[in-house]
PDB file of N, CA and C in Angstrom:
ATOM      1  N   UNK A   1      -6.604 -32.166 -13.417  1.00  0.00           N
ATOM      2  CA  UNK A   1      -5.829 -32.203 -11.964  1.00  0.00           C
ATOM      3  C   UNK A   1      -4.116 -31.468 -11.854  1.00  0.00           C
ATOM      4  N   UNK A   2      -3.920 -30.638 -10.924  1.00  0.00           N
ATOM      5  CA  UNK A   2      -2.703 -30.122 -10.780  1.00  0.00           C
ATOM      6  C   UNK A   2      -2.010 -30.807  -9.973  1.00  0.00           C
ATOM      7  N   UNK A   3      -0.691 -30.850  -9.876  1.00  0.00           N
ATOM      8  CA  UNK A   3       0.171 -31.894  -9.007  1.00  0.00           C
ATOM      9  C   UNK A   3       1.709 -31.197  -9.155  1.00  0.00           C
ATOM     10  N   UNK A   4       2.299 -31.347  -7.822  1.00  0.00           N
ATOM     11  CA  UNK A   4       3.517 -31.290  -7.838  1.00  0.00           C
ATOM     12  C   UNK A   4       4.069 -32.378  -7.225  1.00  0.00           C
ATOM     13  N   UNK A   5       5.075 -32.621  -7.586  1.00  0.00           N
ATOM     14  CA  UNK A   5       6.188 -33.816  -7.213  1.00  0.00           C
ATOM     15  C   UNK A   5       7.090 -33.258  -6.249  1.00  0.00           C
ATOM     16  N   UNK A   6       7.171 -33.964  -4.889  1.00  0.00           N
ATOM     17  CA  UNK A   6       7.707 -33.750  -3.797  1.00  0.00           C
ATOM     18  C   UNK A   6       9.587 -34.304  -3.882  1.00  0.00           C
ATOM     19  N   UNK A   7      10.297 -33.140  -4.270  1.00  0.00           N
ATOM     20  CA  UNK A   7      11.824 -33.601  -4.166  1.00  0.00           C
ATOM     21  C   UNK A   7      12.554 -34.139  -2.870  1.00  0.00           C
ATOM     22  N   UNK A   8      13.183 -34.931  -3.090  1.00  0.00           N
ATOM     23  CA  UNK A   8      13.836 -35.519  -2.005  1.00  0.00           C
ATOM     24  C   UNK A   8      14.324 -34.757  -1.229  1.00  0.00           C
ATOM     25  N   UNK A   9      14.412 -35.019  -0.088  1.00  0.00           N
ATOM     26  CA  UNK A   9      14.524 -34.083   1.038  1.00  0.00           C
ATOM     27  C   UNK A   9      14.021 -32.471   1.374  1.00  0.00           C
ATOM     28  N   UNK A  10      12.768 -32.427   0.323  1.00  0.00           N
ATOM     29  CA  UNK A  10      12.165 -31.341   0.580  1.00  0.00           C
ATOM     30  C   UNK A  10      10.975 -31.530   1.633  1.00  0.00           C
ATOM     31  N   UNK A  11      10.853 -30.287   2.381  1.00  0.00           N
ATOM     32  CA  UNK A  11       9.667 -30.428   3.549  1.00  0.00           C
ATOM     33  C   UNK A  11       8.539 -30.262   2.823  1.00  0.00           C
ATOM     34  N   UNK A  12       7.509 -30.780   3.241  1.00  0.00           N
ATOM     35  CA  UNK A  12       6.241 -30.932   2.824  1.00  0.00           C
ATOM     36  C   UNK A  12       5.382 -29.505   2.817  1.00  0.00           C
ATOM     37  N   UNK A  13       5.830 -28.743   3.783  1.00  0.00           N
ATOM     38  CA  UNK A  13       5.406 -27.216   3.646  1.00  0.00           C
ATOM     39  C   UNK A  13       5.782 -26.586   1.971  1.00  0.00           C
ATOM     40  N   UNK A  14       7.087 -26.664   1.698  1.00  0.00           N
ATOM     41  CA  UNK A  14       7.650 -26.313   0.791  1.00  0.00           C
ATOM     42  C   UNK A  14       6.692 -26.758  -0.601  1.00  0.00           C
ATOM     43  N   UNK A  15       6.540 -27.766  -0.302  1.00  0.00           N
ATOM     44  CA  UNK A  15       5.871 -28.605  -1.789  1.00  0.00           C
ATOM     45  C   UNK A  15       4.384 -28.023  -1.912  1.00  0.00           C
ATOM     46  N   UNK A  16       3.873 -27.882  -0.627  1.00  0.00           N
ATOM     47  CA  UNK A  16       2.478 -27.052  -0.662  1.00  0.00           C
ATOM     48  C   UNK A  16       2.483 -25.620  -0.905  1.00  0.00           C
ATOM     49  N   UNK A  17       3.222 -25.061  -0.568  1.00  0.00           N
ATOM     50  CA  UNK A  17       3.603 -23.729  -1.016  1.00  0.00           C
ATOM     51  C   UNK A  17       3.840 -23.319  -2.578  1.00  0.00           C
ATOM     52  N   UNK A  18       4.562 -24.642  -3.018  1.00  0.00           N
ATOM     53  CA  UNK A  18       4.665 -24.681  -4.727  1.00  0.00           C
ATOM     54  C   UNK A  18       3.312 -24.903  -5.315  1.00  0.00           C
ATOM     55  N   UNK A  19       2.659 -26.145  -4.802  1.00  0.00           N
ATOM     56  CA  UNK A  19       1.465 -26.508  -4.972  1.00  0.00           C
ATOM     57  C   UNK A  19       0.391 -24.661  -5.127  1.00  0.00           C
ATOM     58  N   UNK A  20       0.087 -24.313  -3.813  1.00  0.00           N
ATOM     59  CA  UNK A  20      -0.603 -23.212  -3.787  1.00  0.00           C
ATOM     60  C   UNK A  20      -0.538 -21.940  -4.724  1.00  0.00           C
ATOM     61  N   UNK A  21       0.570 -21.777  -5.227  1.00  0.00           N
ATOM     62  CA  UNK A  21       1.193 -20.954  -6.005  1.00  0.00           C
ATOM     63  C   UNK A  21       0.919 -21.284  -7.569  1.00  0.00           C
ATOM     64  N   UNK A  22       0.909 -22.286  -7.774  1.00  0.00           N
ATOM     65  CA  UNK A  22       0.553 -22.917  -9.020  1.00  0.00           C
ATOM     66  C   UNK A  22      -0.890 -22.745  -9.037  1.00  0.00           C
ATOM     67  N   UNK A  23      -1.618 -23.067  -8.231  1.00  0.00           N
ATOM     68  CA  UNK A  23      -3.438 -22.836  -8.311  1.00  0.00           C
ATOM     69  C   UNK A  23      -3.465 -21.556  -8.458  1.00  0.00           C
ATOM     70  N   UNK A  24      -2.741 -20.766  -7.783  1.00  0.00           N
ATOM     71  CA  UNK A  24      -2.874 -18.993  -7.912  1.00  0.00           C
ATOM     72  C   UNK A  24      -3.216 -18.640  -9.067  1.00  0.00           C
ATOM     73  N   UNK A  25      -1.660 -18.583  -9.802  1.00  0.00           N
ATOM     74  CA  UNK A  25      -1.514 -18.460 -10.972  1.00  0.00           C
ATOM     75  C   UNK A  25      -2.261 -19.070 -12.245  1.00  0.00           C
ATOM     76  N   UNK A  26      -2.950 -19.776 -12.078  1.00  0.00           N
ATOM     77  CA  UNK A  26      -3.752 -20.420 -12.711  1.00  0.00           C
ATOM     78  C   UNK A  26      -5.236 -19.983 -12.370  1.00  0.00           C
ATOM     79  N   UNK A  27      -5.312 -19.537 -11.628  1.00  0.00           N
ATOM     80  CA  UNK A  27      -6.793 -18.827 -10.980  1.00  0.00           C
ATOM     81  C   UNK A  27      -7.759 -20.182 -10.777  1.00  0.00           C
ATOM     82  N   UNK A  28      -7.122 -21.170 -10.327  1.00  0.00           N
ATOM     83  CA  UNK A  28      -8.128 -22.266 -10.129  1.00  0.00           C
ATOM     84  C   UNK A  28      -8.868 -22.069  -8.301  1.00  0.00           C
ATOM     85  N   UNK A  29      -8.339 -21.751  -7.590  1.00  0.00           N
ATOM     86  CA  UNK A  29      -8.448 -21.193  -6.274  1.00  0.00           C
ATOM     87  C   UNK A  29      -9.722 -20.118  -6.216  1.00  0.00           C
ATOM     88  N   UNK A  30      -9.352 -19.278  -7.251  1.00  0.00           N
ATOM     89  CA  UNK A  30     -10.109 -18.016  -7.230  1.00  0.00           C
ATOM     90  C   UNK A  30     -11.668 -18.869  -7.849  1.00  0.00           C
ATOM     91  N   UNK A  31     -11.661 -19.476  -8.691  1.00  0.00           N
ATOM     92  CA  UNK A  31     -12.858 -20.063  -9.683  1.00  0.00           C
ATOM     93  C   UNK A  31     -13.314 -21.027  -8.685  1.00  0.00           C
ATOM     94  N   UNK A  32     -12.507 -21.772  -7.694  1.00  0.00           N
ATOM     95  CA  UNK A  32     -13.360 -22.561  -6.536  1.00  0.00           C
ATOM     96  C   UNK A  32     -14.096 -21.770  -5.681  1.00  0.00           C
ATOM     97  N   UNK A  33     -13.472 -20.617  -5.094  1.00  0.00           N
ATOM     98  CA  UNK A  33     -14.107 -19.898  -4.094  1.00  0.00           C
ATOM     99  C   UNK A  33     -15.588 -18.893  -4.695  1.00  0.00           C
ATOM    100  N   UNK A  34     -15.377 -18.890  -6.016  1.00  0.00           N
ATOM    101  CA  UNK A  34     -16.585 -18.193  -6.624  1.00  0.00           C
ATOM    102  C   UNK A  34     -17.672 -19.241  -6.781  1.00  0.00           C
ATOM    103  N   UNK A  35     -17.452 -20.350  -7.071  1.00  0.00           N
ATOM    104  CA  UNK A  35     -18.615 -21.699  -7.329  1.00  0.00           C
ATOM    105  C   UNK A  35     -18.907 -21.927  -6.193  1.00  0.00           C
ATOM    106  N   UNK A  36     -18.567 -21.734  -5.038  1.00  0.00           N
ATOM    107  CA  UNK A  36     -18.966 -22.510  -3.710  1.00  0.00           C
ATOM    108  C   UNK A  36     -20.137 -21.613  -3.288  1.00  0.00           C
ATOM    109  N   UNK A  37     -20.735 -20.628  -3.745  1.00  0.00           N
ATOM    110  CA  UNK A  37     -22.209 -20.088  -3.966  1.00  0.00           C
ATOM    111  C   UNK A  37     -22.508 -19.502  -5.014  1.00  0.00           C
ATOM    112  N   UNK A  38     -23.772 -19.409  -5.172  1.00  0.00           N
ATOM    113  CA  UNK A  38     -24.692 -19.085  -6.151  1.00  0.00           C
ATOM    114  C   UNK A  38     -24.377 -17.669  -6.301  1.00  0.00           C
ATOM    115  N   UNK A  39     -24.002 -17.194  -7.692  1.00  0.00           N
ATOM    116  CA  UNK A  39     -24.036 -15.756  -8.149  1.00  0.00           C
ATOM    117  C   UNK A  39     -25.124 -15.366  -9.237  1.00  0.00           C
ATOM    118  N   UNK A  40     -25.820 -14.567  -8.515  1.00  0.00           N
ATOM    119  CA  UNK A  40     -26.892 -13.741  -9.706  1.00  0.00           C
ATOM    120  C   UNK A  40     -26.050 -13.189 -10.610  1.00  0.00           C
ATOM    121  N   UNK A  41     -26.759 -13.053 -11.720  1.00  0.00           N
ATOM    122  CA  UNK A  41     -26.279 -12.744 -13.303  1.00  0.00           C
ATOM    123  C   UNK A  41     -25.949 -11.410 -13.070  1.00  0.00           C
ATOM    124  N   UNK A  42     -26.578 -10.493 -11.920  1.00  0.00           N
ATOM    125  CA  UNK A  42     -26.082  -8.858 -11.935  1.00  0.00           C
ATOM    126  C   UNK A  42     -24.626  -9.089 -11.273  1.00  0.00           C
ATOM    127  N   UNK A  43     -24.382 -10.100 -10.310  1.00  0.00           N
ATOM    128  CA  UNK A  43     -23.497  -9.803  -9.486  1.00  0.00           C
ATOM    129  C   UNK A  43     -22.576 -10.518 -10.538  1.00  0.00           C
ATOM    130  N   UNK A  44     -22.408 -11.295 -11.410  1.00  0.00           N
ATOM    131  CA  UNK A  44     -21.565 -11.945 -12.367  1.00  0.00           C
ATOM    132  C   UNK A  44     -20.981 -10.751 -13.541  1.00  0.00           C
ATOM    133  N   UNK A  45     -21.844  -9.961 -13.914  1.00  0.00           N
ATOM    134  CA  UNK A  45     -21.545  -8.981 -14.793  1.00  0.00           C
ATOM    135  C   UNK A  45     -21.193  -8.040 -14.283  1.00  0.00           C
ATOM    136  N   UNK A  46     -20.958  -7.418 -12.964  1.00  0.00           N
ATOM    137  CA  UNK A  46     -20.360  -6.529 -11.852  1.00  0.00           C
ATOM    138  C   UNK A  46     -18.939  -7.052 -11.968  1.00  0.00           C
ATOM    139  N   UNK A  47     -18.665  -8.514 -11.433  1.00  0.00           N
ATOM    140  CA  UNK A  47     -17.334  -9.350 -11.364  1.00  0.00           C
ATOM    141  C   UNK A  47     -16.861  -8.615 -12.700  1.00  0.00           C
ATOM    142  N   UNK A  48     -17.142  -9.315 -13.780  1.00  0.00           N
ATOM    143  CA  UNK A  48     -16.641  -8.920 -14.815  1.00  0.00           C
ATOM    144  C   UNK A  48     -16.041  -7.971 -15.200  1.00  0.00           C
ATOM    145  N   UNK A  49     -17.050  -6.575 -15.178  1.00  0.00           N
ATOM    146  CA  UNK A  49     -16.804  -5.153 -15.261  1.00  0.00           C
ATOM    147  C   UNK A  49     -15.484  -4.960 -14.609  1.00  0.00           C
ATOM    148  N   UNK A  50     -15.612  -5.370 -13.284  1.00  0.00           N
ATOM    149  CA  UNK A  50     -14.564  -4.769 -12.467  1.00  0.00           C
ATOM    150  C   UNK A  50     -13.088  -5.537 -12.794  1.00  0.00           C
ATOM    151  N   UNK A  51     -13.538  -6.813 -13.437  1.00  0.00           N
ATOM    152  CA  UNK A  51     -11.790  -7.157 -13.710  1.00  0.00           C
ATOM    153  C   UNK A  51     -11.692  -6.963 -15.281  1.00  0.00           C
ATOM    154  N   UNK A  52     -12.511  -6.402 -16.059  1.00  0.00           N
ATOM    155  CA  UNK A  52     -12.327  -6.008 -17.426  1.00  0.00           C
ATOM    156  C   UNK A  52     -11.487  -4.384 -17.162  1.00  0.00           C
ATOM    157  N   UNK A  53     -12.158  -3.723 -16.234  1.00  0.00           N
ATOM    158  CA  UNK A  53     -11.573  -2.347 -15.795  1.00  0.00           C
ATOM    159  C   UNK A  53     -10.120  -2.405 -15.435  1.00  0.00           C
ATOM    160  N   UNK A  54      -9.936  -3.486 -14.478  1.00  0.00           N
ATOM    161  CA  UNK A  54      -8.519  -3.364 -14.006  1.00  0.00           C
ATOM    162  C   UNK A  54      -7.784  -3.988 -15.064  1.00  0.00           C
ATOM    163  N   UNK A  55      -8.031  -4.639 -16.044  1.00  0.00           N
ATOM    164  CA  UNK A  55      -7.098  -5.406 -17.446  1.00  0.00           C
ATOM    165  C   UNK A  55      -6.802  -4.324 -18.006  1.00  0.00           C
ATOM    166  N   UNK A  56      -7.817  -3.433 -18.494  1.00  0.00           N
ATOM    167  CA  UNK A  56      -7.709  -2.305 -19.468  1.00  0.00           C
ATOM    168  C   UNK A  56      -6.857  -1.175 -18.320  1.00  0.00           C
ATOM    169  N   UNK A  57      -6.901  -1.046 -17.349  1.00  0.00           N
ATOM    170  CA  UNK A  57      -5.942   0.148 -16.842  1.00  0.00           C
ATOM    171  C   UNK A  57      -4.233  -0.662 -16.880  1.00  0.00           C
ATOM    172  N   UNK A  58      -3.980  -1.781 -16.588  1.00  0.00           N
ATOM    173  CA  UNK A  58      -2.820  -2.046 -16.861  1.00  0.00           C
ATOM    174  C   UNK A  58      -2.121  -1.842 -18.386  1.00  0.00           C
ATOM    175  N   UNK A  59      -3.245  -2.502 -19.170  1.00  0.00           N
ATOM    176  CA  UNK A  59      -3.176  -2.342 -20.752  1.00  0.00           C
ATOM    177  C   UNK A  59      -2.840  -1.167 -20.912  1.00  0.00           C
ATOM    178  N   UNK A  60      -3.337   0.017 -20.817  1.00  0.00           N
ATOM    179  CA  UNK A  60      -3.255   1.242 -20.899  1.00  0.00           C
ATOM    180  C   UNK A  60      -1.902   1.886 -20.435  1.00  0.00           C
ATOM    181  N   UNK A  61      -1.672   1.681 -19.327  1.00  0.00           N
ATOM    182  CA  UNK A  61      -0.454   1.833 -18.605  1.00  0.00           C
ATOM    183  C   UNK A  61       0.677   1.864 -19.324  1.00  0.00           C
ATOM    184  N   UNK A  62       0.999   0.387 -19.907  1.00  0.00           N
ATOM    185  CA  UNK A  62       1.786  -0.071 -20.721  1.00  0.00           C
ATOM    186  C   UNK A  62       1.663   0.248 -22.129  1.00  0.00           C
ATOM    187  N   UNK A  63       0.723   0.375 -22.398  1.00  0.00           N
ATOM    188  CA  UNK A  63       0.601   0.806 -24.282  1.00  0.00           C
ATOM    189  C   UNK A  63       0.940   2.066 -24.875  1.00  0.00           C
ATOM    190  N   UNK A  64       0.704   3.137 -23.338  1.00  0.00           N
ATOM    191  CA  UNK A  64       0.594   4.455 -23.962  1.00  0.00           C
ATOM    192  C   UNK A  64       1.785   5.255 -23.227  1.00  0.00           C
ATOM    193  N   UNK A  65       3.183   4.536 -23.089  1.00  0.00           N
ATOM    194  CA  UNK A  65       4.458   5.300 -22.894  1.00  0.00           C
ATOM    195  C   UNK A  65       4.575   6.247 -23.987  1.00  0.00           C
ATOM    196  N   UNK A  66       4.911   7.407 -23.159  1.00  0.00           N
ATOM    197  CA  UNK A  66       5.527   8.637 -24.017  1.00  0.00           C
ATOM    198  C   UNK A  66       6.924   8.404 -24.481  1.00  0.00           C
ATOM    199  N   UNK A  67       7.249   8.748 -25.715  1.00  0.00           N
ATOM    200  CA  UNK A  67       8.622   8.461 -25.798  1.00  0.00           C
ATOM    201  C   UNK A  67       9.500   9.655 -25.225  1.00  0.00           C
ATOM    202  N   UNK A  68      10.537   9.353 -25.032  1.00  0.00           N
ATOM    203  CA  UNK A  68      11.787  10.211 -23.991  1.00  0.00           C
ATOM    204  C   UNK A  68      12.442  11.258 -25.407  1.00  0.00           C
ATOM    205  N   UNK A  69      12.239  12.416 -25.356  1.00  0.00           N
ATOM    206  CA  UNK A  69      12.638  13.230 -26.254  1.00  0.00           C
ATOM    207  C   UNK A  69      14.431  13.466 -25.815  1.00  0.00           C
ATOM    208  N   UNK A  70      14.941  13.801 -27.248  1.00  0.00           N
ATOM    209  CA  UNK A  70      16.228  13.618 -27.536  1.00  0.00           C
ATOM    210  C   UNK A  70      17.199  14.813 -26.612  1.00  0.00           C
ATOM    211  N   UNK A  71      16.370  15.935 -26.379  1.00  0.00           N
ATOM    212  CA  UNK A  71      16.709  16.982 -25.642  1.00  0.00           C
ATOM    213  C   UNK A  71      16.916  16.488 -24.074  1.00  0.00           C
ATOM    214  N   UNK A  72      16.399  15.400 -23.579  1.00  0.00           N
ATOM    215  CA  UNK A  72      16.488  15.090 -22.193  1.00  0.00           C
ATOM    216  C   UNK A  72      17.827  13.671 -21.909  1.00  0.00           C
ATOM    217  N   UNK A  73      18.265  13.568 -22.784  1.00  0.00           N
ATOM    218  CA  UNK A  73      19.569  12.860 -22.573  1.00  0.00           C
ATOM    219  C   UNK A  73      20.547  13.555 -21.884  1.00  0.00           C
ATOM    220  N   UNK A  74      21.164  13.053 -20.834  1.00  0.00           N
ATOM    221  CA  UNK A  74      22.145  13.673 -19.819  1.00  0.00           C
ATOM    222  C   UNK A  74      23.187  14.130 -20.355  1.00  0.00           C
ATOM    223  N   UNK A  75      24.344  14.870 -20.372  1.00  0.00           N
ATOM    224  CA  UNK A  75      25.864  14.908 -21.112  1.00  0.00           C
ATOM    225  C   UNK A  75      26.677  13.954 -20.805  1.00  0.00           C
ATOM    226  N   UNK A  76      26.598  12.990 -19.354  1.00  0.00           N
ATOM    227  CA  UNK A  76      27.254  12.184 -19.579  1.00  0.00           C
ATOM    228  C   UNK A  76      27.153  10.864 -20.447  1.00  0.00           C
ATOM    229  N   UNK A  77      25.649  10.751 -20.970  1.00  0.00           N
ATOM    230  CA  UNK A  77      25.385   9.585 -22.030  1.00  0.00           C
ATOM    231  C   UNK A  77      25.853   9.861 -23.260  1.00  0.00           C
ATOM    232  N   UNK A  78      26.029  11.353 -23.574  1.00  0.00           N
ATOM    233  CA  UNK A  78      26.250  11.652 -24.982  1.00  0.00           C
ATOM    234  C   UNK A  78      27.823  11.315 -25.250  1.00  0.00           C
TER     235      UNK A  78
END
């Protein structure tokens, strides 16, 4: 069970926002929404394929950076 301690003088709204952010980053809210209704095996495969595709796009974008050639250095940096 995740929890957030309310600090002295802190509004309840801010503590709830911190709790929601914590649950969202850990994926608990998404999993709870997904488990509310039955998901057929085909729907599960589609969902997993979509999320894998998104992960691979992000991974590819950050791993395939082109190196900057030395000739593109501006004269001010030399």
